[in-house]
């Protein structure tokens, strides 16, 4: 009996019609159909000391791309790839910290313009959820992280999902301002109107 991958099982109910799912069905991800953002908190002491500072800084990536590939015939081929352009970061609040966040104190965007995630393993955690573990490359360092993925439904042949994960920045060499800015950076990715299957480049 053919074994379906967790991604294919979870997404199958959203994508399947009367015909079986196609092998190697790929969904391009970009800033037109998806939002990519992050949030990081300040320590309570810093919030008290620095006037007009929101306790959580939120930002978005205005340039990124990626692919979600599903292959029900070969579970090992299921893959999620995300490339975020750190130079495109735009803070949504606490904007006076823009230069620090993109500069050498944090993301080092000029030196390391790409944040890259590629999945290594997918595990089903519920009827519409999956845990996706993979390698993240950030500021030149590579390490494992986990994304919690939830499939939100379908519209025609398109599908919707959101993904959330925590990045322990000190494990990627981002140790500056640890007394002021929290170690955990929350990554958030969500589709806008839905992903449609299409041609994906490596």
Protein backbone atom coordinates (compact mmCIF):
# COMPACT_ATOMS: atom_id res chain seq x y z
CA UNK A 1 0.00 0.00 0.00
CA UNK A 2 1.36 3.40 -0.98
CA UNK A 3 2.38 5.52 2.00
CA UNK A 4 1.38 9.17 1.91
CA UNK A 5 3.55 11.85 3.45
CA UNK A 6 2.16 13.96 6.31
CA UNK A 7 2.12 17.02 4.03
CA UNK A 8 0.18 15.13 1.40
CA UNK A 9 -2.25 13.72 3.99
CA UNK A 10 -2.95 17.12 5.52
CA UNK A 11 -3.11 18.99 2.23
CA UNK A 12 -4.89 16.19 0.40
CA UNK A 13 -8.29 16.98 1.84
CA UNK A 14 -7.82 20.56 0.67
CA UNK A 15 -6.53 19.79 -2.81
CA UNK A 16 -8.09 16.52 -3.83
CA UNK A 17 -10.92 16.30 -6.32
CA UNK A 18 -12.39 13.14 -7.82
CA UNK A 19 -9.05 12.51 -9.55
CA UNK A 20 -5.92 11.44 -7.65
CA UNK A 21 -3.39 14.11 -6.76
CA UNK A 22 -0.61 14.70 -9.25
CA UNK A 23 2.95 13.85 -8.37
CA UNK A 24 5.31 16.76 -7.90
CA UNK A 25 2.61 19.39 -7.54
CA UNK A 26 4.42 22.62 -6.81
CA UNK A 27 3.05 25.86 -5.36
CA UNK A 28 5.18 29.00 -5.89
CA UNK A 29 5.43 31.34 -2.87
CA UNK A 30 6.19 35.05 -3.19
CA UNK A 31 5.31 38.42 -1.73
CA UNK A 32 2.29 38.71 -4.05
CA UNK A 33 0.46 35.70 -2.61
CA UNK A 34 2.02 35.43 0.86
CA UNK A 35 3.05 37.64 3.77
CA UNK A 36 6.32 37.12 5.60
CA UNK A 37 6.92 38.78 8.94
CA UNK A 38 8.62 38.53 12.29
CA UNK A 39 8.28 39.82 15.82
CA UNK A 40 10.70 40.14 18.72
CA UNK A 41 10.15 41.41 22.23
CA UNK A 42 12.09 43.88 24.33
CA UNK A 43 12.92 43.14 27.95
CA UNK A 44 10.61 44.72 30.53
CA UNK A 45 13.47 46.82 31.85
CA UNK A 46 14.19 48.22 28.41
CA UNK A 47 10.53 49.07 27.87
CA UNK A 48 10.47 50.99 31.14
CA UNK A 49 13.69 52.85 30.39
CA UNK A 50 13.06 53.75 26.76
CA UNK A 51 10.13 56.12 26.28
CA UNK A 52 7.46 55.36 23.67
CA UNK A 53 8.82 51.87 22.99
CA UNK A 54 6.32 49.11 22.21
CA UNK A 55 7.15 45.89 24.09
CA UNK A 56 7.11 43.88 20.83
CA UNK A 57 8.71 45.00 17.60
CA UNK A 58 7.03 43.74 14.43
CA UNK A 59 8.43 43.77 10.94
CA UNK A 60 7.79 42.40 7.49
CA UNK A 61 9.84 41.12 4.56
CA UNK A 62 8.76 42.93 1.41
CA UNK A 63 10.79 40.65 -0.86
CA UNK A 64 10.89 36.84 -0.62
CA UNK A 65 10.10 33.69 -2.54
CA UNK A 66 9.84 29.98 -2.07
CA UNK A 67 8.07 26.78 -3.05
CA UNK A 68 5.87 24.15 -1.50
CA UNK A 69 6.20 20.84 -3.36
CA UNK A 70 3.94 17.86 -2.69
CA UNK A 71 4.59 14.39 -4.08
CA UNK A 72 2.12 11.78 -2.78
CA UNK A 73 3.93 9.04 -4.72
CA UNK A 74 7.25 9.70 -2.96
CA UNK A 75 6.95 11.23 0.52
CA UNK A 76 10.69 11.91 0.67
CA UNK A 77 10.27 14.48 -2.10
CA UNK A 78 7.86 16.72 -0.16
CA UNK A 79 9.62 20.00 0.43
CA UNK A 80 9.12 23.54 1.71
CA UNK A 81 11.69 26.17 0.70
CA UNK A 82 11.60 29.81 1.77
CA UNK A 83 14.06 32.57 0.84
CA UNK A 84 13.69 35.89 2.67
CA UNK A 85 15.55 39.04 1.60
CA UNK A 86 16.80 40.60 4.84
CA UNK A 87 17.51 43.85 3.00
CA UNK A 88 13.76 44.22 2.44
CA UNK A 89 12.89 44.28 6.15
CA UNK A 90 10.50 47.07 7.09
CA UNK A 91 9.60 47.67 10.72
CA UNK A 92 5.90 48.21 11.36
CA UNK A 93 6.48 49.84 14.76
CA UNK A 94 9.45 51.01 16.83
CA UNK A 95 10.76 52.33 13.53
CA UNK A 96 13.65 54.15 15.16
CA UNK A 97 15.22 50.69 15.55
CA UNK A 98 15.16 50.06 11.79
CA UNK A 99 18.90 50.56 11.31
CA UNK A 100 19.79 48.42 14.32
CA UNK A 101 17.55 45.54 13.23
CA UNK A 102 18.86 45.46 9.65
CA UNK A 103 22.40 46.48 10.56
CA UNK A 104 25.32 44.78 12.28
CA UNK A 105 23.53 44.60 15.63
CA UNK A 106 20.97 42.12 14.34
CA UNK A 107 20.28 40.74 10.83
CA UNK A 108 23.45 42.13 9.19
CA UNK A 109 21.44 42.51 5.99
CA UNK A 110 24.17 44.13 3.87
CA UNK A 111 26.57 41.24 4.52
CA UNK A 112 24.00 38.40 4.63
CA UNK A 113 21.11 39.43 2.36
CA UNK A 114 19.38 36.03 2.27
CA UNK A 115 17.63 34.08 5.02
CA UNK A 116 17.08 30.56 3.73
CA UNK A 117 14.93 27.71 5.04
CA UNK A 118 14.65 24.25 3.53
CA UNK A 119 12.59 21.49 5.08
CA UNK A 120 14.09 18.15 6.06
CA UNK A 121 11.17 16.34 7.69
CA UNK A 122 7.39 16.75 7.94
CA UNK A 123 5.26 15.20 10.69
CA UNK A 124 1.49 15.33 10.85
CA UNK A 125 0.26 16.79 14.15
CA UNK A 126 -3.49 17.04 13.46
CA UNK A 127 -6.17 16.85 10.80
CA UNK A 128 -4.99 20.12 9.26
CA UNK A 129 -1.61 20.73 10.91
CA UNK A 130 1.97 19.57 10.48
CA UNK A 131 5.35 20.16 12.12
CA UNK A 132 8.01 20.96 9.53
CA UNK A 133 11.61 20.70 10.68
CA UNK A 134 14.42 21.97 8.53
CA UNK A 135 17.63 23.94 8.28
CA UNK A 136 17.68 27.71 8.53
CA UNK A 137 20.61 29.76 7.28
CA UNK A 138 20.77 33.16 8.96
CA UNK A 139 23.72 35.58 9.06
CA UNK A 140 25.95 32.88 7.62
CA UNK A 141 25.12 30.24 10.26
CA UNK A 142 22.96 27.17 9.62
CA UNK A 143 20.92 25.34 12.24
CA UNK A 144 17.65 23.44 12.74
CA UNK A 145 14.30 25.06 13.48
CA UNK A 146 10.71 23.84 13.44
CA UNK A 147 7.74 25.49 11.75
CA UNK A 148 4.18 24.78 12.85
CA UNK A 149 2.09 24.69 9.66
CA UNK A 150 -1.70 24.91 9.49
CA UNK A 151 -3.64 24.39 6.28
CA UNK A 152 -6.54 26.85 6.19
CA UNK A 153 -8.67 25.61 3.31
CA UNK A 154 -8.99 25.75 -0.45
CA UNK A 155 -10.63 27.81 -3.15
CA UNK A 156 -10.78 26.08 -6.52
CA UNK A 157 -7.32 24.67 -7.16
CA UNK A 158 -5.60 27.01 -4.71
CA UNK A 159 -4.71 26.30 -1.09
CA UNK A 160 -4.08 28.43 1.98
CA UNK A 161 -1.67 27.86 4.84
CA UNK A 162 0.13 29.66 7.62
CA UNK A 163 3.41 28.82 9.34
CA UNK A 164 4.92 29.99 12.60
CA UNK A 165 8.26 29.28 14.22
CA UNK A 166 10.74 30.51 16.79
CA UNK A 167 14.34 31.37 15.95
CA UNK A 168 16.81 31.39 18.87
CA UNK A 169 18.96 34.15 17.41
CA UNK A 170 21.98 33.54 19.65
CA UNK A 171 22.38 30.11 18.02
CA UNK A 172 22.89 31.92 14.71
CA UNK A 173 25.52 34.30 16.03
CA UNK A 174 23.16 37.21 16.70
CA UNK A 175 24.14 37.97 20.29
CA UNK A 176 24.13 41.76 20.34
CA UNK A 177 21.59 43.53 22.55
CA UNK A 178 20.53 40.33 24.31
CA UNK A 179 19.92 42.37 27.45
CA UNK A 180 17.53 44.62 25.55
CA UNK A 181 16.08 42.49 22.74
CA UNK A 182 14.79 38.96 23.46
CA UNK A 183 16.67 35.95 22.16
CA UNK A 184 13.59 34.44 20.49
CA UNK A 185 12.50 35.86 17.14
CA UNK A 186 9.07 34.73 15.97
CA UNK A 187 8.73 34.04 12.24
CA UNK A 188 5.26 34.24 10.66
CA UNK A 189 4.29 33.27 7.11
CA UNK A 190 0.73 33.24 5.78
CA UNK A 191 -0.89 33.12 2.36
CA UNK A 192 -3.00 36.06 1.23
CA UNK A 193 -5.59 34.71 -1.18
CA UNK A 194 -4.21 31.21 -1.68
CA UNK A 195 -1.42 29.43 -3.51
CA UNK A 196 -2.02 28.08 -6.98
CA UNK A 197 -0.04 25.19 -8.50
CA UNK A 198 2.47 26.35 -11.07
CA UNK A 199 5.99 26.04 -12.39
CA UNK A 200 8.70 26.14 -9.75
CA UNK A 201 12.39 26.70 -10.34
CA UNK A 202 14.96 25.06 -8.05
